[in-house]
């Protein structure tokens, strides 16, 4: 019993330096994909976020919910359509996206934090809006404009609202839906939304939760996890195909955030209990950190 208590004290002492270093710093955590499907993993993540707030960091949670949206669309008899890798968002799809993200997933995350004894507030078009956006325009290979419907990108973030929410002792929960200048809603990619929030806040860290341990030199072999990468190496790995498929938009968002002044980006396994704390508050992290 005494030895176990000493071990726990040693862990706290190891973390102390990191806690002091990151006190009063913003950290943006993006939750989505497969990580949202595992209730136990989600609850563990929210415990981590509450810990960060308790020891003086300023955590902000940004989330998507692609699988839940697809399930809701199937229930409504709407066939999802993807254009240039993005969900085409017509009026009916936008209603499902906004309902699923803001009224279901955000609410459930707030409820779980409060169940664990913390305080949180969902910030979106139905409460206090935080993300403002504009329509995303893409071009096809032939140079023709691509119609994505009500798909957008974040153009500004209400950083004062975030600061006030945190100062009131509440953790901000932000779904990836933005409002446009005309008051309409826009469906925003959650990775790019999280990167935009981190950029506007000049955050210390941006953490992406994934369903893999991080970036591996061989994606089929988790033992090849790369714990530290610089941006030049990331671009080389995208060019040679080592980083491919769904990881490319995530890494692109990470590189944009770093170029805009975010200090570090972390990609960690959202399925591992307390992976965020282990990545931030220990000498040897458990995922991949990317730095400029």
Protein backbone atom coordinates (compact mmCIF):
# COMPACT_ATOMS: atom_id res chain seq x y z
CA UNK A 1 0.00 0.00 0.00
CA UNK A 2 2.78 2.44 0.92
CA UNK A 3 4.72 1.62 -2.25
CA UNK A 4 1.64 2.21 -4.37
CA UNK A 5 1.09 5.57 -2.67
CA UNK A 6 4.72 6.52 -3.31
CA UNK A 7 4.34 5.52 -6.97
CA UNK A 8 1.27 7.73 -7.32
CA UNK A 9 3.10 10.64 -5.68
CA UNK A 10 6.00 10.18 -8.13
CA UNK A 11 3.58 10.38 -11.06
CA UNK A 12 2.12 13.63 -9.70
CA UNK A 13 5.61 15.10 -9.20
CA UNK A 14 6.57 14.16 -12.77
CA UNK A 15 3.41 15.89 -14.04
CA UNK A 16 3.96 19.01 -11.90
CA UNK A 17 6.47 20.59 -14.25
CA UNK A 18 4.16 20.14 -17.20
CA UNK A 19 1.17 21.44 -15.21
CA UNK A 20 3.06 24.62 -14.26
CA UNK A 21 4.29 25.07 -17.84
CA UNK A 22 0.83 24.85 -19.42
CA UNK A 23 -1.18 26.70 -16.79
CA UNK A 24 -3.42 29.40 -18.34
CA UNK A 25 -2.67 28.10 -21.85
CA UNK A 26 -5.35 27.16 -24.38
CA UNK A 27 -5.57 23.58 -25.61
CA UNK A 28 -8.08 22.63 -28.28
CA UNK A 29 -9.19 18.98 -28.43
CA UNK A 30 -11.00 17.63 -31.48
CA UNK A 31 -13.30 14.66 -30.95
CA UNK A 32 -14.96 12.77 -33.76
CA UNK A 33 -14.96 9.69 -35.93
CA UNK A 34 -14.67 6.29 -34.30
CA UNK A 35 -13.71 7.84 -30.96
CA UNK A 36 -17.30 9.05 -30.57
CA UNK A 37 -18.64 5.52 -30.96
CA UNK A 38 -16.96 4.20 -27.80
CA UNK A 39 -18.88 5.55 -24.79
CA UNK A 40 -16.19 4.48 -22.32
CA UNK A 41 -13.47 6.18 -24.36
CA UNK A 42 -15.54 9.37 -24.61
CA UNK A 43 -16.11 9.42 -20.86
CA UNK A 44 -12.38 8.91 -20.27
CA UNK A 45 -11.57 11.81 -22.62
CA UNK A 46 -14.01 14.08 -20.80
CA UNK A 47 -12.33 13.16 -17.50
CA UNK A 48 -9.01 14.22 -19.08
CA UNK A 49 -10.49 17.52 -20.25
CA UNK A 50 -11.90 18.16 -16.76
CA UNK A 51 -8.47 17.44 -15.26
CA UNK A 52 -6.85 19.97 -17.56
CA UNK A 53 -9.37 22.61 -16.52
CA UNK A 54 -8.87 21.73 -12.84
CA UNK A 55 -5.09 22.24 -12.99
CA UNK A 56 -5.31 25.57 -14.78
CA UNK A 57 -5.28 24.85 -18.51
CA UNK A 58 -8.01 26.27 -20.74
CA UNK A 59 -9.43 23.29 -22.65
CA UNK A 60 -11.92 23.65 -25.48
CA UNK A 61 -13.62 20.65 -27.08
CA UNK A 62 -14.57 20.76 -30.77
CA UNK A 63 -16.50 17.80 -32.17
CA UNK A 64 -17.91 16.36 -35.34
CA UNK A 65 -20.11 13.30 -35.68
CA UNK A 66 -20.03 11.93 -39.22
CA UNK A 67 -21.22 8.43 -38.36
CA UNK A 68 -24.14 9.68 -36.27
CA UNK A 69 -25.11 12.04 -39.11
CA UNK A 70 -25.03 9.20 -41.65
CA UNK A 71 -27.18 7.04 -39.37
CA UNK A 72 -29.70 9.86 -38.93
CA UNK A 73 -29.81 10.40 -42.69
CA UNK A 74 -30.42 6.69 -43.27
CA UNK A 75 -33.29 6.77 -40.77
CA UNK A 76 -34.75 9.74 -42.67
CA UNK A 77 -34.34 7.92 -45.98
CA UNK A 78 -31.75 10.36 -47.32
CA UNK A 79 -28.83 8.94 -49.27
CA UNK A 80 -25.52 10.65 -48.35
CA UNK A 81 -23.59 12.11 -51.27
CA UNK A 82 -19.93 13.06 -51.14
CA UNK A 83 -18.25 15.51 -53.50
CA UNK A 84 -14.47 15.91 -53.46
CA UNK A 85 -14.43 13.93 -50.20
CA UNK A 86 -16.93 16.25 -48.49
CA UNK A 87 -20.56 15.60 -47.58
CA UNK A 88 -22.84 17.44 -49.99
CA UNK A 89 -25.14 19.45 -47.76
CA UNK A 90 -28.57 20.36 -49.08
CA UNK A 91 -31.32 21.82 -46.90
CA UNK A 92 -32.54 18.46 -45.58
CA UNK A 93 -29.00 17.26 -44.85
CA UNK A 94 -28.13 20.55 -43.12
CA UNK A 95 -31.11 20.17 -40.79
CA UNK A 96 -29.95 16.67 -39.81
CA UNK A 97 -26.33 17.81 -39.41
CA UNK A 98 -27.24 20.73 -37.14
CA UNK A 99 -29.73 18.71 -35.07
CA UNK A 100 -27.35 15.77 -34.62
CA UNK A 101 -24.28 17.81 -33.73
CA UNK A 102 -25.75 20.63 -31.64
CA UNK A 103 -28.80 19.10 -29.99
CA UNK A 104 -27.69 15.50 -29.58
CA UNK A 105 -23.91 15.12 -29.40
CA UNK A 106 -23.08 18.48 -27.79
CA UNK A 107 -25.84 18.01 -25.22
CA UNK A 108 -24.67 14.50 -24.36
CA UNK A 109 -21.08 15.71 -23.85
CA UNK A 110 -22.24 18.51 -21.54
CA UNK A 111 -24.42 16.07 -19.60
CA UNK A 112 -21.53 13.63 -19.10
CA UNK A 113 -19.17 16.35 -17.86
CA UNK A 114 -21.81 17.48 -15.39
CA UNK A 115 -22.42 13.86 -14.33
CA UNK A 116 -18.71 13.63 -13.52
CA UNK A 117 -18.94 16.77 -11.39
CA UNK A 118 -17.70 19.36 -13.84
CA UNK A 119 -19.29 22.26 -15.69
CA UNK A 120 -19.59 22.73 -19.44
CA UNK A 121 -21.55 24.76 -21.96
CA UNK A 122 -22.39 23.99 -25.57
CA UNK A 123 -21.66 27.01 -27.79
CA UNK A 124 -23.56 27.00 -31.08
CA UNK A 125 -26.33 28.63 -33.10
CA UNK A 126 -28.97 27.52 -30.59
CA UNK A 127 -27.20 28.94 -27.51
CA UNK A 128 -24.32 31.40 -27.84
CA UNK A 129 -22.75 31.11 -31.25
CA UNK A 130 -18.97 30.85 -31.46
CA UNK A 131 -18.08 29.89 -35.05
CA UNK A 132 -18.70 32.21 -37.99
CA UNK A 133 -18.12 31.01 -41.51
CA UNK A 134 -18.37 31.47 -45.22
CA UNK A 135 -19.21 29.06 -48.00
CA UNK A 136 -16.38 26.80 -49.07
CA UNK A 137 -15.56 26.99 -52.76
CA UNK A 138 -13.57 24.27 -54.49
CA UNK A 139 -12.52 23.74 -58.08
CA UNK A 140 -12.56 20.49 -60.03
CA UNK A 141 -9.49 19.20 -61.88
CA UNK A 142 -10.77 21.00 -64.96
CA UNK A 143 -11.04 24.25 -63.01
CA UNK A 144 -14.83 24.30 -62.83
CA UNK A 145 -16.43 25.39 -59.54
CA UNK A 146 -17.70 22.50 -57.39
CA UNK A 147 -21.09 22.85 -55.72
CA UNK A 148 -21.00 21.51 -52.14
CA UNK A 149 -24.25 23.04 -50.94
CA UNK A 150 -24.17 24.54 -47.45
CA UNK A 151 -20.59 23.50 -46.69
CA UNK A 152 -18.38 26.15 -45.18
CA UNK A 153 -15.10 27.06 -43.56
CA UNK A 154 -14.54 29.05 -40.38
CA UNK A 155 -13.81 32.71 -41.06
CA UNK A 156 -13.81 33.98 -37.46
CA UNK A 157 -14.12 32.70 -33.89
CA UNK A 158 -15.67 34.55 -30.95
CA UNK A 159 -12.62 34.33 -28.70
CA UNK A 160 -14.16 36.69 -26.12
CA UNK A 161 -17.06 34.28 -25.68
CA UNK A 162 -14.63 31.39 -25.18
CA UNK A 163 -12.61 33.37 -22.62
CA UNK A 164 -15.75 34.35 -20.69
CA UNK A 165 -17.06 30.77 -20.71
CA UNK A 166 -13.77 29.45 -19.33
CA UNK A 167 -13.54 32.25 -16.77
CA UNK A 168 -16.97 31.20 -15.50
CA UNK A 169 -15.58 27.72 -14.81
CA UNK A 170 -17.26 26.04 -17.79
CA UNK A 171 -15.62 23.95 -20.51
CA UNK A 172 -16.71 25.11 -24.00
CA UNK A 173 -18.18 22.40 -26.24
CA UNK A 174 -18.32 23.43 -29.91
CA UNK A 175 -20.01 21.43 -32.70
CA UNK A 176 -18.63 21.91 -36.21
CA UNK A 177 -21.47 24.10 -37.47
CA UNK A 178 -20.87 27.77 -38.30
CA UNK A 179 -23.24 30.66 -38.96
CA UNK A 180 -22.89 32.73 -42.11
CA UNK A 181 -23.25 36.49 -42.48
CA UNK A 182 -26.88 36.09 -43.59
CA UNK A 183 -27.73 34.03 -40.51
CA UNK A 184 -27.75 30.67 -42.26
CA UNK A 185 -25.91 27.57 -41.09
CA UNK A 186 -22.88 25.93 -42.67
CA UNK A 187 -21.60 22.38 -42.26
CA UNK A 188 -17.87 22.59 -41.44
CA UNK A 189 -15.26 19.83 -41.37
CA UNK A 190 -14.50 19.23 -37.68
CA UNK A 191 -10.72 18.95 -38.17
CA UNK A 192 -10.53 22.32 -39.91
CA UNK A 193 -12.95 23.84 -37.38
CA UNK A 194 -10.71 22.73 -34.50
CA UNK A 195 -7.64 24.04 -36.30
CA UNK A 196 -9.38 27.40 -36.82
CA UNK A 197 -10.31 27.67 -33.13
CA UNK A 198 -6.72 26.86 -32.13
CA UNK A 199 -5.41 29.42 -34.61
CA UNK A 200 -7.67 32.27 -33.50
CA UNK A 201 -6.80 31.55 -29.85
CA UNK A 202 -3.08 31.20 -30.59
CA UNK A 203 -3.36 27.95 -28.65
CA UNK A 204 -0.50 26.11 -27.00
CA UNK A 205 -1.75 22.76 -28.29
CA UNK A 206 -4.18 21.26 -30.76
CA UNK A 207 -5.02 17.61 -30.10
CA UNK A 208 -6.68 15.37 -32.68
CA UNK A 209 -8.19 12.15 -31.39
CA UNK A 210 -7.96 9.35 -33.93
CA UNK A 211 -8.60 5.62 -34.12
CA UNK A 212 -4.90 4.89 -34.65
CA UNK A 213 -1.96 5.51 -32.27
CA UNK A 214 -0.62 8.40 -34.36
CA UNK A 215 1.45 8.64 -37.53
CA UNK A 216 3.36 5.45 -38.37
CA UNK A 217 6.06 4.96 -40.97
CA UNK A 218 4.16 1.77 -41.86
CA UNK A 219 0.45 2.27 -41.29
CA UNK A 220 -0.04 -1.49 -40.97
CA UNK A 221 2.50 -1.75 -38.13
CA UNK A 222 1.72 0.23 -34.98
CA UNK A 223 5.23 -0.45 -33.67
CA UNK A 224 6.49 2.05 -36.30
CA UNK A 225 4.78 4.95 -34.50
CA UNK A 226 6.70 8.21 -34.95
CA UNK A 227 6.56 10.20 -31.72
CA UNK A 228 7.96 13.49 -33.09
CA UNK A 229 7.65 15.03 -36.55
CA UNK A 230 8.49 18.38 -38.09
CA UNK A 231 6.31 19.94 -40.76
CA UNK A 232 8.78 19.32 -43.58
CA UNK A 233 8.77 15.60 -42.84
CA UNK A 234 4.95 15.59 -42.74
CA UNK A 235 4.80 17.12 -46.21
CA UNK A 236 7.31 14.57 -47.50
CA UNK A 237 5.24 11.71 -46.04
CA UNK A 238 2.08 13.05 -47.69
CA UNK A 239 3.91 13.36 -51.01
CA UNK A 240 5.26 9.80 -50.93
CA UNK A 241 1.95 8.30 -49.75
CA UNK A 242 3.05 7.29 -46.24
CA UNK A 243 0.35 9.60 -44.92
CA UNK A 244 -2.73 8.96 -47.03
CA UNK A 245 -6.48 8.53 -47.08
CA UNK A 246 -8.44 10.12 -44.22
CA UNK A 247 -5.28 11.14 -42.36
CA UNK A 248 -4.33 13.69 -45.03
CA UNK A 249 -7.02 16.31 -44.20
CA UNK A 250 -6.18 15.97 -40.50
CA UNK A 251 -2.45 16.51 -41.09
CA UNK A 252 -3.17 19.36 -43.53
CA UNK A 253 -5.25 21.07 -40.82
CA UNK A 254 -2.41 20.49 -38.37
CA UNK A 255 0.14 22.08 -40.71
CA UNK A 256 -2.11 25.10 -41.30
CA UNK A 257 -2.51 25.59 -37.53
CA UNK A 258 1.25 25.36 -36.94
CA UNK A 259 1.94 27.84 -39.74
CA UNK A 260 -0.52 30.24 -38.07
CA UNK A 261 1.23 30.09 -34.69
CA UNK A 262 -0.14 27.10 -32.77
CA UNK A 263 2.81 25.69 -30.80
CA UNK A 264 2.25 21.93 -31.15
CA UNK A 265 -0.24 19.53 -32.69
CA UNK A 266 -0.78 16.05 -31.28
CA UNK A 267 -2.45 13.05 -32.91
CA UNK A 268 -3.35 10.44 -30.30
CA UNK A 269 -5.43 7.28 -30.04
CA UNK A 270 -8.84 8.22 -28.72
CA UNK A 271 -9.53 4.58 -27.84
CA UNK A 272 -6.77 4.53 -25.20
CA UNK A 273 -7.85 5.59 -21.73
CA UNK A 274 -6.37 8.95 -20.68
CA UNK A 275 -4.32 9.20 -23.88
CA UNK A 276 -4.62 13.01 -23.84
CA UNK A 277 -3.18 13.31 -20.32
CA UNK A 278 -0.39 10.85 -21.12
CA UNK A 279 0.50 12.83 -24.22
CA UNK A 280 0.53 16.24 -22.52
CA UNK A 281 1.61 15.62 -18.93
CA UNK A 282 4.33 12.96 -19.21
CA UNK A 283 7.93 12.92 -20.35
CA UNK A 284 7.19 10.37 -23.09
CA UNK A 285 3.93 10.82 -24.96
CA UNK A 286 1.81 8.08 -26.47
CA UNK A 287 1.00 9.59 -29.89
CA UNK A 288 2.63 11.77 -32.53
CA UNK A 289 3.51 15.41 -31.87
CA UNK A 290 4.01 17.70 -34.87
CA UNK A 291 5.97 20.92 -34.56
CA UNK A 292 6.99 23.68 -36.94
